């Protein structure tokens, strides 16, 4: 007993304050960006991209990244001889419209220059109403959590229940989803919890490409989930098929099987990116 009390006193609170406080550590890998001003359009990055996520048009001297396919492997940064490719730590990349991910690199400057209030439904993916710092400039962390719980309760009548579905993944995304329940992330502090049956769920977190052996299982799981329900595609495989796309045994994204409300790119996306995607999905229902 005394040893337990000693540990409680010795170690500080480990649970993070996200989404109230933004995370900007330089130690993790996030979105890859290409500086067109430095790029000489040699095509080496597109040639060596394992997921064929880099789209290059030499004649038009344009280059972009399809973030639905990008696996954040940083190979393009390592191979670029002019230093035009840079890996950032941006992880809040979840979007409602898959086209936004596909065209992100080509319209990034336009989105950045557009006021938030003027952006369309598919473009306003940098902030949500739940964690918009402009709307909540001086709100405490406890108030953020209580407001989110109230929003979820208003929509669903209780806490948000999630059923995780592995539709043929490598388990990388599943490991990150498991991390949502550890003391560091503690998803239940936001009134969000996981359930064992889709019949008790409000949201499906789907990983994997939806392989041939899992197609029927995914569709039946979706049909067993009561309305209103949400579907979140977690990871590059669920968004576009990832490095397994265009094969006989996989789908190029789970949206070929079930309707998807939010796409979370990454291979795998970090737990905070998944939290951001969940919040994005709740905002869509509202």
Protein backbone atom coordinates (compact mmCIF):
# COMPACT_ATOMS: atom_id res chain seq x y z
CA UNK A 1 0.00 0.00 0.00
CA UNK A 2 2.77 2.40 0.93
CA UNK A 3 4.60 1.55 -2.30
CA UNK A 4 1.48 2.43 -4.28
CA UNK A 5 1.08 5.76 -2.49
CA UNK A 6 4.75 6.46 -3.05
CA UNK A 7 4.34 5.97 -6.80
CA UNK A 8 1.25 8.21 -6.88
CA UNK A 9 3.20 11.00 -5.19
CA UNK A 10 6.39 10.45 -7.17
CA UNK A 11 4.97 10.44 -10.70
CA UNK A 12 2.94 13.35 -12.10
CA UNK A 13 -0.30 13.04 -14.04
CA UNK A 14 0.52 11.34 -17.33
CA UNK A 15 -2.72 11.90 -19.21
CA UNK A 16 -2.25 14.42 -22.00
CA UNK A 17 -4.35 17.56 -22.43
CA UNK A 18 -5.07 17.02 -26.12
CA UNK A 19 -7.34 18.24 -27.71
CA UNK A 20 -7.30 21.26 -25.39
CA UNK A 21 -3.58 21.76 -25.94
CA UNK A 22 -2.02 21.23 -29.33
CA UNK A 23 0.84 18.76 -29.68
CA UNK A 24 3.86 19.99 -31.63
CA UNK A 25 6.77 17.76 -30.60
CA UNK A 26 9.50 17.44 -33.21
CA UNK A 27 10.09 13.76 -32.43
CA UNK A 28 7.25 12.25 -34.47
CA UNK A 29 6.64 12.05 -38.21
CA UNK A 30 3.63 13.61 -39.84
CA UNK A 31 2.56 15.11 -43.13
CA UNK A 32 5.10 15.21 -45.98
CA UNK A 33 5.22 18.44 -47.97
CA UNK A 34 6.89 19.35 -51.26
CA UNK A 35 8.27 22.84 -51.86
CA UNK A 36 7.59 23.47 -55.56
CA UNK A 37 9.94 26.45 -55.50
CA UNK A 38 12.89 24.14 -54.77
CA UNK A 39 11.71 21.12 -56.78
CA UNK A 40 13.44 20.52 -60.14
CA UNK A 41 10.75 17.98 -61.17
CA UNK A 42 13.27 15.22 -61.76
CA UNK A 43 10.68 12.59 -60.82
CA UNK A 44 12.92 10.49 -58.58
CA UNK A 45 10.56 10.77 -55.61
CA UNK A 46 7.55 9.69 -57.70
CA UNK A 47 9.55 6.84 -59.20
CA UNK A 48 10.55 5.42 -55.82
CA UNK A 49 7.33 6.09 -53.88
CA UNK A 50 6.18 2.64 -52.65
CA UNK A 51 2.51 3.60 -52.56
CA UNK A 52 2.53 5.74 -55.75
CA UNK A 53 1.24 8.67 -53.74
CA UNK A 54 3.28 11.34 -55.54
CA UNK A 55 1.61 12.76 -58.64
CA UNK A 56 4.00 14.45 -61.06
CA UNK A 57 3.28 16.34 -64.27
CA UNK A 58 6.61 17.36 -65.79
CA UNK A 59 5.06 19.20 -68.72
CA UNK A 60 3.01 21.41 -66.41
CA UNK A 61 5.82 21.46 -63.83
CA UNK A 62 3.42 20.49 -61.06
CA UNK A 63 3.80 17.94 -58.30
CA UNK A 64 1.58 16.86 -55.43
CA UNK A 65 0.98 14.15 -52.85
CA UNK A 66 -2.15 12.05 -52.52
CA UNK A 67 -2.34 11.81 -48.74
CA UNK A 68 -4.94 9.06 -48.93
CA UNK A 69 -2.17 6.84 -50.34
CA UNK A 70 0.85 8.32 -48.53
CA UNK A 71 2.35 6.00 -45.88
CA UNK A 72 4.65 8.67 -44.38
CA UNK A 73 7.74 6.54 -45.06
CA UNK A 74 9.95 9.65 -45.64
CA UNK A 75 11.67 7.89 -48.55
CA UNK A 76 10.90 10.85 -50.81
CA UNK A 77 12.66 13.18 -48.39
CA UNK A 78 15.70 10.93 -48.24
CA UNK A 79 15.96 10.57 -52.01
CA UNK A 80 15.38 14.22 -52.94
CA UNK A 81 18.73 15.76 -53.93
CA UNK A 82 17.58 19.38 -53.81
CA UNK A 83 15.87 19.25 -50.42
CA UNK A 84 12.42 20.08 -51.77
CA UNK A 85 10.66 17.41 -49.70
CA UNK A 86 10.20 17.92 -45.97
CA UNK A 87 8.52 15.74 -43.37
CA UNK A 88 6.58 17.80 -40.84
CA UNK A 89 4.95 16.85 -37.55
CA UNK A 90 1.43 17.81 -38.68
CA UNK A 91 -0.94 15.02 -37.76
CA UNK A 92 -4.43 16.60 -37.73
CA UNK A 93 -5.15 15.43 -41.26
CA UNK A 94 -8.56 13.76 -40.92
CA UNK A 95 -11.08 14.92 -43.53
CA UNK A 96 -14.68 14.30 -44.36
CA UNK A 97 -14.23 14.41 -48.13
CA UNK A 98 -11.69 12.02 -49.65
CA UNK A 99 -11.23 14.37 -52.61
CA UNK A 100 -9.70 16.86 -50.21
CA UNK A 101 -6.95 14.37 -49.46
CA UNK A 102 -6.44 13.58 -53.13
CA UNK A 103 -6.12 17.22 -54.15
CA UNK A 104 -4.53 18.50 -50.95
CA UNK A 105 -1.07 19.10 -52.39
CA UNK A 106 -2.46 20.94 -55.40
CA UNK A 107 -4.78 23.25 -53.47
CA UNK A 108 -2.84 23.63 -50.20
CA UNK A 109 -1.91 27.23 -50.88
CA UNK A 110 -5.49 28.14 -51.77
CA UNK A 111 -6.79 26.51 -48.60
CA UNK A 112 -4.19 28.24 -46.49
CA UNK A 113 -5.15 31.64 -47.90
CA UNK A 114 -8.90 31.07 -47.47
CA UNK A 115 -10.55 32.28 -44.23
CA UNK A 116 -11.92 29.43 -42.15
CA UNK A 117 -15.47 30.77 -42.33
CA UNK A 118 -15.37 30.72 -46.16
CA UNK A 119 -14.11 27.15 -46.57
CA UNK A 120 -16.43 24.46 -47.86
CA UNK A 121 -17.49 21.40 -45.89
CA UNK A 122 -14.70 19.26 -47.32
CA UNK A 123 -11.96 21.86 -46.89
CA UNK A 124 -12.27 22.99 -43.29
CA UNK A 125 -10.23 20.13 -41.90
CA UNK A 126 -7.65 22.05 -39.90
CA UNK A 127 -10.09 22.87 -37.08
CA UNK A 128 -13.40 21.55 -35.81
CA UNK A 129 -16.11 23.25 -33.81
CA UNK A 130 -15.18 21.07 -30.85
CA UNK A 131 -11.54 22.12 -30.62
CA UNK A 132 -11.60 25.49 -32.36
CA UNK A 133 -9.33 27.74 -30.32
CA UNK A 134 -11.02 30.84 -31.76
CA UNK A 135 -14.35 29.73 -30.34
CA UNK A 136 -12.87 28.64 -27.00
CA UNK A 137 -9.99 31.03 -26.29
CA UNK A 138 -9.93 30.76 -22.50
CA UNK A 139 -11.67 27.47 -21.88
CA UNK A 140 -10.15 25.09 -19.37
CA UNK A 141 -9.31 21.48 -20.15
CA UNK A 142 -12.07 20.19 -17.85
CA UNK A 143 -14.62 22.40 -19.63
CA UNK A 144 -13.50 21.11 -23.02
CA UNK A 145 -14.09 17.54 -21.86
CA UNK A 146 -17.47 18.31 -20.33
CA UNK A 147 -18.59 20.19 -23.45
CA UNK A 148 -17.56 17.27 -25.64
CA UNK A 149 -19.40 14.83 -23.42
CA UNK A 150 -22.49 17.04 -23.58
CA UNK A 151 -22.26 17.17 -27.39
CA UNK A 152 -21.98 13.39 -27.64
CA UNK A 153 -24.85 12.90 -25.21
CA UNK A 154 -27.03 15.34 -27.13
CA UNK A 155 -26.42 13.50 -30.40
CA UNK A 156 -26.56 9.90 -29.20
CA UNK A 157 -28.36 10.22 -25.87
CA UNK A 158 -25.36 8.79 -23.97
CA UNK A 159 -21.62 8.27 -24.32
CA UNK A 160 -20.20 7.59 -27.76
CA UNK A 161 -19.67 3.85 -28.24
CA UNK A 162 -17.08 2.64 -30.76
CA UNK A 163 -16.62 -0.76 -32.35
CA UNK A 164 -13.20 -1.31 -33.93
CA UNK A 165 -13.21 -3.45 -37.08
CA UNK A 166 -10.07 -4.99 -38.57
CA UNK A 167 -10.94 -5.45 -42.23
CA UNK A 168 -7.60 -6.95 -43.22
CA UNK A 169 -4.90 -4.69 -41.83
CA UNK A 170 -1.28 -5.34 -40.83
CA UNK A 171 -2.33 -4.45 -37.24
CA UNK A 172 -0.27 -1.26 -37.21
CA UNK A 173 -3.37 0.95 -37.04
CA UNK A 174 -4.93 -1.43 -34.52
CA UNK A 175 -1.98 -0.96 -32.18
CA UNK A 176 -2.50 2.81 -32.33
CA UNK A 177 -6.22 2.39 -31.63
CA UNK A 178 -5.37 0.23 -28.61
CA UNK A 179 -3.18 3.07 -27.38
CA UNK A 180 -6.26 5.29 -27.12
CA UNK A 181 -7.17 3.46 -23.92
CA UNK A 182 -3.81 3.74 -22.18
CA UNK A 183 -3.27 6.23 -19.32
CA UNK A 184 -1.50 8.67 -21.62
CA UNK A 185 -4.42 9.14 -24.04
CA UNK A 186 -7.37 7.90 -21.91
CA UNK A 187 -10.11 8.29 -24.52
CA UNK A 188 -12.82 7.61 -21.93
CA UNK A 189 -12.12 10.99 -20.30
CA UNK A 190 -13.99 12.44 -23.31
CA UNK A 191 -17.01 10.21 -22.79
CA UNK A 192 -15.96 7.85 -25.59
CA UNK A 193 -15.55 4.12 -25.05
CA UNK A 194 -15.17 0.86 -27.00
CA UNK A 195 -17.77 -1.92 -27.09
CA UNK A 196 -17.55 -5.56 -28.13
CA UNK A 197 -20.62 -5.68 -30.36
CA UNK A 198 -21.63 -3.49 -33.32
CA UNK A 199 -25.20 -3.63 -32.03
CA UNK A 200 -24.07 -1.45 -29.13
CA UNK A 201 -21.98 0.90 -31.26
CA UNK A 202 -22.50 4.39 -32.64
CA UNK A 203 -19.28 4.47 -34.63
CA UNK A 204 -17.14 1.96 -36.53
CA UNK A 205 -13.37 2.50 -36.59
CA UNK A 206 -12.28 0.46 -39.59
CA UNK A 207 -8.70 -0.51 -40.40
CA UNK A 208 -7.39 -2.44 -43.39
CA UNK A 209 -8.30 -2.48 -47.06
CA UNK A 210 -11.40 -4.62 -46.77
CA UNK A 211 -9.84 -7.80 -48.11
CA UNK A 212 -11.88 -10.39 -49.98
CA UNK A 213 -12.17 -12.55 -46.87
CA UNK A 214 -13.36 -9.58 -44.77
CA UNK A 215 -15.72 -7.88 -47.20
CA UNK A 216 -18.84 -9.70 -46.09
CA UNK A 217 -17.88 -9.39 -42.42
CA UNK A 218 -17.45 -5.61 -42.76
CA UNK A 219 -20.76 -5.16 -44.55
CA UNK A 220 -22.61 -7.29 -41.98
CA UNK A 221 -20.99 -5.36 -39.15
CA UNK A 222 -22.12 -2.10 -40.72
CA UNK A 223 -25.66 -3.40 -41.17
CA UNK A 224 -25.75 -4.61 -37.56
CA UNK A 225 -24.83 -1.16 -36.23
CA UNK A 226 -27.98 0.82 -35.36
CA UNK A 227 -28.70 4.27 -36.80
CA UNK A 228 -27.47 6.94 -36.46
CA UNK A 229 -24.04 5.50 -37.13
CA UNK A 230 -20.69 6.78 -38.25
CA UNK A 231 -17.83 5.10 -40.11
CA UNK A 232 -14.23 6.27 -39.79
CA UNK A 233 -11.53 4.89 -42.10
CA UNK A 234 -8.28 4.64 -40.15
CA UNK A 235 -4.99 4.52 -42.04
CA UNK A 236 -3.86 4.58 -45.66
CA UNK A 237 -5.17 1.06 -46.32
CA UNK A 238 -8.71 1.94 -45.25
CA UNK A 239 -8.56 5.27 -47.09
CA UNK A 240 -7.17 4.10 -50.43
CA UNK A 241 -5.77 0.58 -50.19
CA UNK A 242 -2.30 1.87 -49.30
CA UNK A 243 0.56 -0.23 -50.59
CA UNK A 244 -1.87 -3.11 -51.18
CA UNK A 245 -4.07 -1.24 -53.67
CA UNK A 246 -4.92 -2.58 -57.13
CA UNK A 247 -4.62 -6.25 -56.21
CA UNK A 248 -7.15 -9.04 -56.66
CA UNK A 249 -7.51 -9.61 -52.90
CA UNK A 250 -8.04 -6.03 -51.67
CA UNK A 251 -10.16 -2.94 -52.18
CA UNK A 252 -8.86 0.54 -52.89
CA UNK A 253 -10.39 1.81 -49.67
CA UNK A 254 -13.31 0.62 -47.60
CA UNK A 255 -15.63 3.22 -49.11
CA UNK A 256 -16.16 0.70 -51.92
CA UNK A 257 -18.01 -1.44 -49.36
CA UNK A 258 -19.56 0.93 -46.80
CA UNK A 259 -20.15 4.71 -46.67
CA UNK A 260 -17.35 6.54 -44.87
CA UNK A 261 -17.84 9.74 -42.87
CA UNK A 262 -14.23 10.59 -42.04
CA UNK A 263 -10.87 9.53 -43.49
CA UNK A 264 -7.75 9.47 -41.28
CA UNK A 265 -4.59 9.14 -43.41
CA UNK A 266 -1.29 7.73 -42.16
CA UNK A 267 0.54 4.44 -41.88
CA UNK A 268 -0.31 4.21 -39.11
CA UNK A 269 -1.87 7.45 -37.84
CA UNK A 270 -0.81 8.30 -34.30
CA UNK A 271 -3.43 8.08 -31.50
CA UNK A 272 -3.93 11.85 -31.41
CA UNK A 273 -4.67 11.82 -35.15
CA UNK A 274 -7.34 9.19 -34.51
CA UNK A 275 -8.81 11.29 -31.69
CA UNK A 276 -8.94 14.23 -34.09
CA UNK A 277 -10.75 12.09 -36.66
CA UNK A 278 -13.29 10.93 -34.08
CA UNK A 279 -13.99 14.54 -33.12
CA UNK A 280 -14.31 15.39 -36.80
CA UNK A 281 -16.91 12.65 -37.23
CA UNK A 282 -18.95 13.85 -34.26
CA UNK A 283 -18.91 17.36 -35.68
CA UNK A 284 -20.25 16.03 -38.96
CA UNK A 285 -23.28 14.51 -37.27
CA UNK A 286 -23.98 17.78 -35.50
